C-alpha atoms as a PDB file:
ATOM      1  CA  MET A   1     162.283 -80.236 127.029  1.00  0.00           C
ATOM      2  CA  ARG A   2     161.132 -76.925 128.487  1.00  0.00           C
ATOM      3  CA  LEU A   3     163.308 -73.815 128.298  1.00  0.00           C
ATOM      4  CA  VAL A   4     163.063 -70.619 130.274  1.00  0.00           C
ATOM      5  CA  VAL A   5     165.303 -67.619 129.711  1.00  0.00           C
ATOM      6  CA  ASP A   6     165.381 -64.954 132.401  1.00  0.00           C
ATOM      7  CA  LEU A   7     165.239 -61.964 130.086  1.00  0.00           C
ATOM      8  CA  ASN A   8     166.093 -59.665 132.991  1.00  0.00           C
ATOM      9  CA  LYS A   9     169.435 -61.483 133.362  1.00  0.00           C
ATOM     10  CA  CYS A  10     170.119 -61.923 129.632  1.00  0.00           C
ATOM     11  CA  GLN A  11     172.687 -59.413 128.408  1.00  0.00           C
ATOM     12  CA  GLY A  12     172.519 -60.330 124.716  1.00  0.00           C
ATOM     13  CA  TYR A  13     175.904 -62.055 124.450  1.00  0.00           C
ATOM     14  CA  ALA A  14     174.235 -64.452 121.952  1.00  0.00           C
ATOM     15  CA  GLN A  15     176.298 -67.505 122.871  1.00  0.00           C
ATOM     16  CA  CYS A  16     173.070 -69.514 122.912  1.00  0.00           C
ATOM     17  CA  ALA A  17     172.112 -68.322 119.421  1.00  0.00           C
ATOM     18  CA  PHE A  18     175.532 -69.313 118.134  1.00  0.00           C
ATOM     19  CA  LEU A  19     175.441 -72.788 119.720  1.00  0.00           C
ATOM     20  CA  ALA A  20     171.758 -73.648 119.155  1.00  0.00           C
ATOM     21  CA  PRO A  21     170.510 -71.466 116.280  1.00  0.00           C
ATOM     22  CA  ASP A  22     167.359 -73.572 115.744  1.00  0.00           C
ATOM     23  CA  VAL A  23     166.249 -72.772 119.292  1.00  0.00           C
ATOM     24  CA  PHE A  24     167.655 -69.296 120.088  1.00  0.00           C
ATOM     25  CA  ALA A  25     167.916 -66.210 117.880  1.00  0.00           C
ATOM     26  CA  MET A  26     168.715 -62.573 118.359  1.00  0.00           C
ATOM     27  CA  HIS A  27     166.080 -60.109 117.179  1.00  0.00           C
ATOM     28  CA  GLY A  28     167.914 -56.871 116.649  1.00  0.00           C
ATOM     29  CA  GLU A  29     171.018 -56.202 118.698  1.00  0.00           C
ATOM     30  CA  GLU A  30     169.721 -56.963 122.174  1.00  0.00           C
ATOM     31  CA  SER A  31     166.451 -58.904 122.063  1.00  0.00           C
ATOM     32  CA  LEU A  32     166.511 -62.694 122.359  1.00  0.00           C
ATOM     33  CA  VAL A  33     163.740 -64.887 120.974  1.00  0.00           C
ATOM     34  CA  TYR A  34     163.633 -68.612 121.666  1.00  0.00           C
ATOM     35  CA  ASP A  35     161.499 -71.729 121.384  1.00  0.00           C
ATOM     36  CA  PRO A  36     160.439 -72.672 124.929  1.00  0.00           C
ATOM     37  CA  ARG A  37     159.616 -76.229 123.789  1.00  0.00           C
ATOM     38  CA  ALA A  38     162.802 -77.316 122.047  1.00  0.00           C
ATOM     39  CA  GLU A  39     162.815 -80.692 120.324  1.00  0.00           C
ATOM     40  CA  GLN A  40     164.776 -83.543 121.925  1.00  0.00           C
ATOM     41  CA  GLU A  41     166.994 -83.623 118.827  1.00  0.00           C
ATOM     42  CA  GLN A  42     168.350 -80.249 119.995  1.00  0.00           C
ATOM     43  CA  ARG A  43     169.213 -81.549 123.494  1.00  0.00           C
ATOM     44  CA  GLU A  44     172.999 -81.570 123.053  1.00  0.00           C
ATOM     45  CA  ARG A  45     173.093 -78.118 121.459  1.00  0.00           C
ATOM     46  CA  VAL A  46     170.799 -76.704 124.145  1.00  0.00           C
ATOM     47  CA  ALA A  47     172.982 -78.211 126.878  1.00  0.00           C
ATOM     48  CA  ARG A  48     175.997 -76.450 125.377  1.00  0.00           C
ATOM     49  CA  ALA A  49     174.059 -73.188 125.138  1.00  0.00           C
ATOM     50  CA  VAL A  50     172.960 -73.420 128.783  1.00  0.00           C
ATOM     51  CA  ALA A  51     176.542 -74.064 129.882  1.00  0.00           C
ATOM     52  CA  ALA A  52     177.931 -71.250 127.727  1.00  0.00           C
ATOM     53  CA  CYS A  53     175.602 -68.505 128.963  1.00  0.00           C
ATOM     54  CA  PRO A  54     177.924 -66.102 130.808  1.00  0.00           C
ATOM     55  CA  VAL A  55     175.123 -64.826 133.068  1.00  0.00           C
ATOM     56  CA  GLN A  56     173.370 -68.210 133.556  1.00  0.00           C
ATOM     57  CA  ALA A  57     170.068 -66.867 132.258  1.00  0.00           C
ATOM     58  CA  ILE A  58     168.878 -70.160 130.688  1.00  0.00           C
ATOM     59  CA  THR A  59     167.095 -72.925 132.577  1.00  0.00           C
ATOM     60  CA  ALA A  60     166.300 -76.203 130.806  1.00  0.00           C
ATOM     61  CA  ASP A  61     163.885 -78.694 132.378  1.00  0.00           C
ATOM     62  CA  GLY A  62     164.077 -82.196 130.962  1.00  0.00           C
ATOM     63  CA  LEU A  63     167.595 -81.816 129.630  1.00  0.00           C
ATOM     64  CA  ASP A  64     168.658 -85.153 131.159  1.00  0.00           C
ATOM     65  CA  GLU A  65     165.502 -87.106 130.245  1.00  0.00           C
ATOM     66  CA  ALA A  66     166.814 -88.574 126.990  1.00  0.00           C
ATOM     67  CA  GLY A  67     169.684 -91.001 126.978  1.00  0.00           C
ATOM     68  CA  ASP A  68     171.579 -92.371 129.947  1.00  0.00           C
ATOM     69  CA  PRO A  69     171.337 -90.560 133.256  1.00  0.00           C
ATOM     70  CA  PRO A  70     174.487 -88.699 134.237  1.00  0.00           C
ATOM     71  CA  ALA A  71     176.976 -90.804 136.138  1.00  0.00           C
ATOM     72  CA  ARG A  72     177.617 -90.056 139.794  1.00  0.00           C
ATOM     73  CA  PRO A  73     181.195 -89.462 140.897  1.00  0.00           C
ATOM     74  CA  GLY A  74     183.034 -92.780 140.963  1.00  0.00           C
ATOM     75  CA  GLU A  75     180.463 -94.654 138.851  1.00  0.00           C
ATOM     76  CA  GLU A  76     182.395 -94.217 135.606  1.00  0.00           C
ATOM     77  CA  ALA A  77     185.449 -95.952 137.063  1.00  0.00           C
ATOM     78  CA  ALA A  78     183.268 -98.805 138.309  1.00  0.00           C
ATOM     79  CA  ARG A  79     181.677 -99.257 134.849  1.00  0.00           C
ATOM     80  CA  ASP A  80     185.072 -99.437 133.143  1.00  0.00           C
ATOM     81  CA  ARG A  81     186.169-102.453 135.214  1.00  0.00           C
END
């Protein structure tokens, strides 16, 4: 999985560091450091961090590669039958 954080957008809210501390960390009060090649074991935590970023500064390529592909609308109901 490849991560990119737009450091021009990042405002240092640190939601990512709270949700995925093995991938994101704050250095000082405002500077974010992160691992751009996060392990697949961190996929769920990274997904939560991406979703929680209030300024949408985090992009994750390969987030959906592991596990089942996301269901399209209506597919879940069809699977349950």
